[in-house]
Amino acid sequence: MARQILKPRTRYVPDPGPFEGVPGHLVIPLMHWLAGTLRLGSPIEDNDALYRIMNRLRIPPNPAPDGRNPLWGSITRWIDEDHPRLIAVIDAVMAIQGTDYRQIHELDRILSEGSSIYTATENGIEERVDPVAKQAVVAAIQAQDHASAELAEAWAKAYGRQEDASDAWDHAIKAVEALLVPLVFPNPGTGRIGQAIGQLDQPGSRWGTRLQFNQTSPPKNPPFTSIEVLVGMLRLIWPNPDRHANPNHRRTPSIEEARAVVQLAVTIVQWVREGQIVKR
C-alpha cells in the first residue's frame, strides 16, 4: 500500500483589525458583559437602569415574544437592528450605573481581545490611541489646576464616543491659556493667548526655551534657545477655525486636526510646568 502523503495543515490567522463599530465576533461577549453588569435574570435585576437606558437612547418599547424582561427585550431588539448601537448602550450603562475596576477591566479585555477601536476607561468608552500619547495626557492632567481640567475635557471631546472636534480644540486652547498667559503676563486678568503669541514673537523678544532640540546629550545648564518652535506650535493651535472672527474663513475642524491640537496642548502645558519656557 502506497504511503499517503498528508498535506500540511493550514494555520488560521484571524483578521488583526482594529475593527470599527461592533463586528459580529464581539456581539455575544459584549452582550454577556452587559447582562452581568445589569444582573439580568437575578432577584436584583436593575430595571431602573433599563428604564433609564431606554429613555436616554430613545429606544421604543418593542419586547421580544419569548417572555424575557420586556425592557431588556426592547433593548436587545434595538441593538439587533444595528450592532454599533451596542457601544452606545454600554456607554449609557457606565454613565447611569457606574462600574467598578473589575467590570471596567473585564470590558476592556473583551474589547482588546476582539481588536476593537474602543477601550473602556473610568470615564466611559474611548477610542484607543497610541500608548505614549495616552501616557502623556494622563501625566499632564495629574495636577489639580484649571489647565488639567481643560485638558481632560479636550481629551474626552477628541477621543470619547461623543466626539466634538471644535469643542476639543477650544478646551485645548483654554488649557494652554491657563498656564502660558500668566507666565507671559504676570498681572492677573491680563492678556489672552493671541496676545501672548505676539509678545513671544515680537522683534527683540527676550523669551526663549531651555529645550535642546538638536542635542542627544544636552548640557546640565543649557543655554537659552529660540522661542520659534513654541511660537510655531501656538500658531497651529490658535485660533480655532470654527471661532474665526471673519465668517468667510470659518470652518468646522476635522476630528484628526482637533486630536493633533490636543496633543500639542499637552506638550506645551508640560513645557510650562517644567520651566522650559523662560525670559532671559
Protein backbone atom coordinates (compact mmCIF):
# COMPACT_ATOMS: atom_id res chain seq x y z
CA MET A 1 0.00 0.00 0.00
CA ALA A 2 1.44 3.32 -1.02
CA ARG A 3 2.22 5.70 1.79
CA GLN A 4 -0.20 8.61 1.88
CA ILE A 5 1.44 11.99 2.00
CA LEU A 6 -0.52 14.34 4.25
CA LYS A 7 -0.81 17.94 3.27
CA PRO A 8 0.44 20.40 5.86
CA ARG A 9 -2.33 21.92 7.95
CA THR A 10 -3.26 25.44 7.09
CA ARG A 11 -2.71 27.73 10.04
CA TYR A 12 -5.66 30.02 10.65
CA VAL A 13 -4.69 33.66 11.07
CA PRO A 14 -7.59 35.91 12.13
CA ASP A 15 -8.06 39.41 10.80
CA PRO A 16 -5.92 41.54 13.16
CA GLY A 17 -8.22 44.57 13.00
CA PRO A 18 -8.68 47.05 14.56
CA PHE A 19 -12.42 46.96 13.95
CA GLU A 20 -14.76 49.92 13.90
CA GLY A 21 -18.29 49.66 15.21
CA VAL A 22 -19.17 46.26 16.68
CA PRO A 23 -18.11 43.34 14.45
CA GLY A 24 -20.01 40.09 14.75
CA HIS A 25 -17.40 38.33 16.89
CA LEU A 26 -17.76 40.97 19.63
CA VAL A 27 -21.55 40.97 19.91
CA ILE A 28 -22.00 37.95 22.21
CA PRO A 29 -19.07 38.78 24.58
CA LEU A 30 -20.28 42.36 24.95
CA MET A 31 -23.90 41.30 25.46
CA HIS A 32 -22.71 38.85 28.12
CA TRP A 33 -20.85 41.67 29.88
CA LEU A 34 -23.98 43.84 29.75
CA ALA A 35 -26.20 41.10 31.15
CA GLY A 36 -23.81 40.52 34.04
CA THR A 37 -23.42 44.20 34.83
CA LEU A 38 -27.21 44.72 34.87
CA ARG A 39 -27.65 41.50 36.88
CA LEU A 40 -30.24 40.24 34.42
CA GLY A 41 -32.15 37.16 35.49
CA SER A 42 -31.28 37.64 39.17
CA PRO A 43 -33.54 38.83 42.03
CA ILE A 44 -31.69 42.17 41.96
CA GLU A 45 -32.10 42.80 38.24
CA ASP A 46 -31.53 46.52 37.61
CA ASN A 47 -34.80 47.52 35.95
CA ASP A 48 -34.27 51.16 36.87
CA ALA A 49 -31.11 51.22 34.74
CA LEU A 50 -33.01 49.57 31.87
CA TYR A 51 -35.70 52.27 32.00
CA ARG A 52 -33.04 54.99 32.00
CA ILE A 53 -31.15 53.41 29.09
CA MET A 54 -34.32 53.33 27.00
CA ASN A 55 -35.11 56.93 27.88
CA ARG A 56 -31.57 58.23 27.28
CA LEU A 57 -31.14 56.45 23.95
CA ARG A 58 -34.77 56.94 22.83
CA ILE A 59 -35.36 53.21 22.47
CA PRO A 60 -39.03 52.46 21.68
CA PRO A 61 -40.79 49.63 23.51
CA ASN A 62 -40.54 46.52 21.37
CA PRO A 63 -40.46 43.50 23.71
CA ALA A 64 -39.35 40.12 22.45
CA PRO A 65 -42.09 37.48 22.16
CA ASP A 66 -40.18 34.91 24.24
CA GLY A 67 -41.28 36.24 27.62
CA ARG A 68 -37.98 37.88 28.55
CA ASN A 69 -37.89 41.05 30.58
CA PRO A 70 -39.75 43.41 28.19
CA LEU A 71 -37.29 46.24 28.87
CA TRP A 72 -34.25 44.11 28.08
CA GLY A 73 -36.08 42.58 25.13
CA SER A 74 -36.72 46.03 23.67
CA ILE A 75 -33.08 47.00 24.12
CA THR A 76 -31.73 43.81 22.52
CA ARG A 77 -34.04 44.08 19.53
CA TRP A 78 -32.95 47.70 19.08
CA ILE A 79 -29.31 46.55 19.16
CA ASP A 80 -30.03 43.73 16.70
CA GLU A 81 -31.14 46.32 14.14
CA ASP A 82 -27.69 47.95 14.22
CA HIS A 83 -24.85 46.33 16.19
CA PRO A 84 -22.83 49.54 16.73
CA ARG A 85 -25.69 50.63 19.00
CA LEU A 86 -24.29 48.15 21.50
CA ILE A 87 -21.44 50.56 22.28
CA ALA A 88 -23.96 53.33 22.97
CA VAL A 89 -25.84 51.04 25.40
CA ILE A 90 -22.63 50.08 27.20
CA ASP A 91 -21.60 53.72 27.45
CA ALA A 92 -25.03 54.58 28.87
CA VAL A 93 -24.82 51.78 31.45
CA MET A 94 -21.40 53.03 32.59
CA ALA A 95 -22.74 56.58 32.96
CA ILE A 96 -26.01 55.62 34.66
CA GLN A 97 -24.97 52.78 36.91
CA GLY A 98 -21.28 53.30 37.39
CA THR A 99 -18.79 50.46 37.09
CA ASP A 100 -16.08 49.19 39.38
CA TYR A 101 -12.50 48.46 38.42
CA ARG A 102 -13.20 44.76 37.86
CA GLN A 103 -16.05 45.49 35.43
CA ILE A 104 -14.01 48.08 33.53
CA HIS A 105 -11.03 45.73 33.34
CA GLU A 106 -13.19 42.88 32.03
CA LEU A 107 -14.87 45.10 29.45
CA ASP A 108 -11.54 46.45 28.25
CA ARG A 109 -10.18 42.90 28.00
CA ILE A 110 -13.12 41.93 25.75
CA LEU A 111 -12.61 44.97 23.53
CA SER A 112 -8.85 44.48 23.37
CA GLU A 113 -9.00 40.76 22.55
CA GLY A 114 -11.57 41.50 19.84
CA SER A 115 -9.31 44.22 18.36
CA SER A 116 -11.93 46.91 18.79
CA ILE A 117 -11.02 50.53 18.18
CA TYR A 118 -12.60 51.24 21.57
CA THR A 119 -11.21 50.99 25.08
CA ALA A 120 -13.02 51.03 28.43
CA THR A 121 -12.00 53.66 30.97
CA GLU A 122 -13.45 55.04 34.17
CA ASN A 123 -14.79 57.92 32.04
CA GLY A 124 -16.64 55.61 29.67
CA ILE A 125 -15.83 54.27 26.21
CA GLU A 126 -13.00 55.98 24.33
CA GLU A 127 -11.16 55.31 21.10
CA ARG A 128 -7.79 53.67 21.54
CA VAL A 129 -4.77 55.87 20.99
CA ASP A 130 -1.04 55.40 20.95
CA PRO A 131 0.02 54.35 24.48
CA VAL A 132 2.74 57.01 24.60
CA ALA A 133 0.22 59.73 23.74
CA LYS A 134 -2.22 58.43 26.36
CA GLN A 135 0.53 58.30 28.97
CA ALA A 136 1.46 61.92 28.21
CA VAL A 137 -2.06 63.22 28.74
CA VAL A 138 -2.53 61.15 31.91
CA ALA A 139 0.65 62.72 33.30
CA ALA A 140 -0.47 66.19 32.20
CA ILE A 141 -3.82 66.08 33.99
CA GLN A 142 -2.46 64.92 37.34
CA ALA A 143 -2.04 68.47 38.63
CA GLN A 144 -5.12 69.85 40.36
CA ASP A 145 -5.47 73.04 38.37
CA HIS A 146 -7.59 74.65 35.67
CA ALA A 147 -5.24 73.57 32.88
CA SER A 148 -5.66 69.92 33.87
CA ALA A 149 -9.45 70.23 33.89
CA GLU A 150 -9.42 71.80 30.42
CA LEU A 151 -7.03 69.14 29.07
CA ALA A 152 -9.23 66.37 30.45
CA GLU A 153 -12.27 67.89 28.75
CA ALA A 154 -10.35 68.37 25.49
CA TRP A 155 -9.25 64.73 25.56
CA ALA A 156 -12.80 63.50 26.21
CA LYS A 157 -14.14 65.55 23.30
CA ALA A 158 -11.34 64.40 20.99
CA TYR A 159 -11.31 60.69 21.81
CA GLY A 160 -14.57 59.88 23.59
CA ARG A 161 -17.69 58.47 21.92
CA GLN A 162 -19.39 61.88 21.91
CA GLU A 163 -16.55 63.46 19.97
CA ASP A 164 -16.72 67.16 19.16
CA ALA A 165 -13.73 68.49 17.22
CA SER A 166 -14.49 72.17 17.72
CA ASP A 167 -15.12 71.79 21.45
CA ALA A 168 -11.94 69.71 21.85
CA TRP A 169 -9.99 72.47 20.11
CA ASP A 170 -11.50 75.15 22.34
CA HIS A 171 -10.65 73.30 25.55
CA ALA A 172 -7.10 72.65 24.31
CA ILE A 173 -6.64 76.40 23.78
CA LYS A 174 -8.02 77.13 27.26
CA ALA A 175 -5.62 74.60 28.80
CA VAL A 176 -2.61 76.32 27.21
CA GLU A 177 -4.00 79.75 28.02
CA ALA A 178 -4.45 78.83 31.69
CA LEU A 179 -0.69 78.41 32.17
CA LEU A 180 1.02 80.34 29.38
CA VAL A 181 -0.81 83.68 29.72
CA PRO A 182 0.02 84.12 33.45
CA LEU A 183 3.65 83.30 32.61
CA VAL A 184 3.87 85.95 29.88
CA PHE A 185 1.62 88.49 31.62
CA PRO A 186 2.17 88.17 35.40
CA ASN A 187 -0.56 90.70 36.26
CA PRO A 188 -3.85 88.82 36.91
CA GLY A 189 -6.50 89.21 34.23
CA THR A 190 -4.06 90.48 31.61
CA GLY A 191 -3.87 89.18 28.05
CA ARG A 192 -5.11 86.20 26.08
CA ILE A 193 -3.33 83.54 24.07
CA GLY A 194 -3.26 85.66 20.89
CA GLN A 195 -1.60 88.48 22.77
CA ALA A 196 0.85 86.02 24.35
CA ILE A 197 1.88 84.85 20.89
CA GLY A 198 2.51 88.46 19.85
CA GLN A 199 4.58 89.10 22.97
CA LEU A 200 6.70 85.98 22.47
CA ASP A 201 7.24 86.62 18.76
CA GLN A 202 7.95 90.35 18.76
CA PRO A 203 11.32 91.59 17.47
CA GLY A 204 13.92 91.55 20.18
CA SER A 205 11.87 89.25 22.38
CA ARG A 206 13.78 88.10 25.42
CA TRP A 207 11.78 84.89 25.66
CA GLY A 208 13.48 81.58 24.98
CA THR A 209 13.43 77.93 25.94
CA ARG A 210 15.81 75.58 27.68
CA LEU A 211 14.99 72.81 25.20
CA GLN A 212 17.93 71.44 23.22
CA PHE A 213 16.28 70.03 20.11
CA ASN A 214 19.49 69.14 18.25
CA GLN A 215 21.49 67.52 21.03
CA THR A 216 21.28 63.91 22.16
CA SER A 217 23.04 64.74 25.44
CA PRO A 218 22.11 68.31 26.46
CA PRO A 219 24.31 70.09 28.99
CA LYS A 220 23.27 70.25 32.64
CA ASN A 221 22.75 74.01 32.39
CA PRO A 222 21.62 74.50 28.80
CA PRO A 223 21.71 77.93 27.19
CA PHE A 224 18.58 79.62 26.01
CA THR A 225 17.38 78.63 22.56
CA SER A 226 14.97 80.23 20.13
CA ILE A 227 11.31 80.55 21.01
CA GLU A 228 10.37 79.91 17.36
CA VAL A 229 9.38 76.27 17.86
CA LEU A 230 6.93 77.19 20.63
CA VAL A 231 5.52 80.10 18.63
CA GLY A 232 5.00 77.82 15.64
CA MET A 233 3.08 75.35 17.80
CA LEU A 234 0.97 78.12 19.28
CA ARG A 235 0.09 79.41 15.81
CA LEU A 236 -1.11 75.91 14.88
CA ILE A 237 -3.35 75.88 17.94
CA TRP A 238 -4.74 79.42 17.78
CA PRO A 239 -7.28 80.33 16.66
CA ASN A 240 -9.86 77.57 16.37
CA PRO A 241 -11.03 77.82 12.72
CA ASP A 242 -14.59 77.38 13.95
CA ARG A 243 -14.29 80.55 16.05
CA HIS A 244 -12.53 82.74 13.49
CA ALA A 245 -13.53 86.41 13.64
CA ASN A 246 -14.04 86.51 9.87
CA PRO A 247 -17.15 84.42 8.96
CA ASN A 248 -15.76 83.92 5.43
CA HIS A 249 -12.81 81.97 6.84
CA ARG A 250 -14.73 79.99 9.45
CA ARG A 251 -14.90 76.23 9.11
CA THR A 252 -15.50 73.18 11.27
CA PRO A 253 -12.21 71.42 12.05
CA SER A 254 -11.84 67.69 11.49
CA ILE A 255 -11.51 65.35 14.44
CA GLU A 256 -8.00 64.48 13.26
CA GLU A 257 -6.99 68.14 13.41
CA ALA A 258 -8.53 68.50 16.86
CA ARG A 259 -6.65 65.46 18.16
CA ALA A 260 -3.38 66.89 16.88
CA VAL A 261 -4.14 70.19 18.62
CA VAL A 262 -4.90 68.38 21.89
CA GLN A 263 -1.54 66.60 21.66
CA LEU A 264 0.23 69.91 21.05
CA ALA A 265 -1.58 71.41 24.04
CA VAL A 266 -0.41 68.54 26.25
CA THR A 267 3.18 69.19 25.20
CA ILE A 268 3.02 72.95 25.75
CA VAL A 269 1.36 72.58 29.16
CA GLN A 270 4.11 70.24 30.26
CA TRP A 271 6.82 72.58 28.96
CA VAL A 272 5.40 75.45 31.00
CA ARG A 273 5.10 73.33 34.14
CA GLU A 274 8.66 72.04 33.78
CA GLY A 275 10.08 75.55 33.46
CA GLN A 276 11.24 75.08 29.88
CA ILE A 277 9.88 78.45 28.74
CA VAL A 278 11.78 81.33 30.31
CA LYS A 279 12.58 85.01 29.94
CA ARG A 280 16.23 85.91 29.54
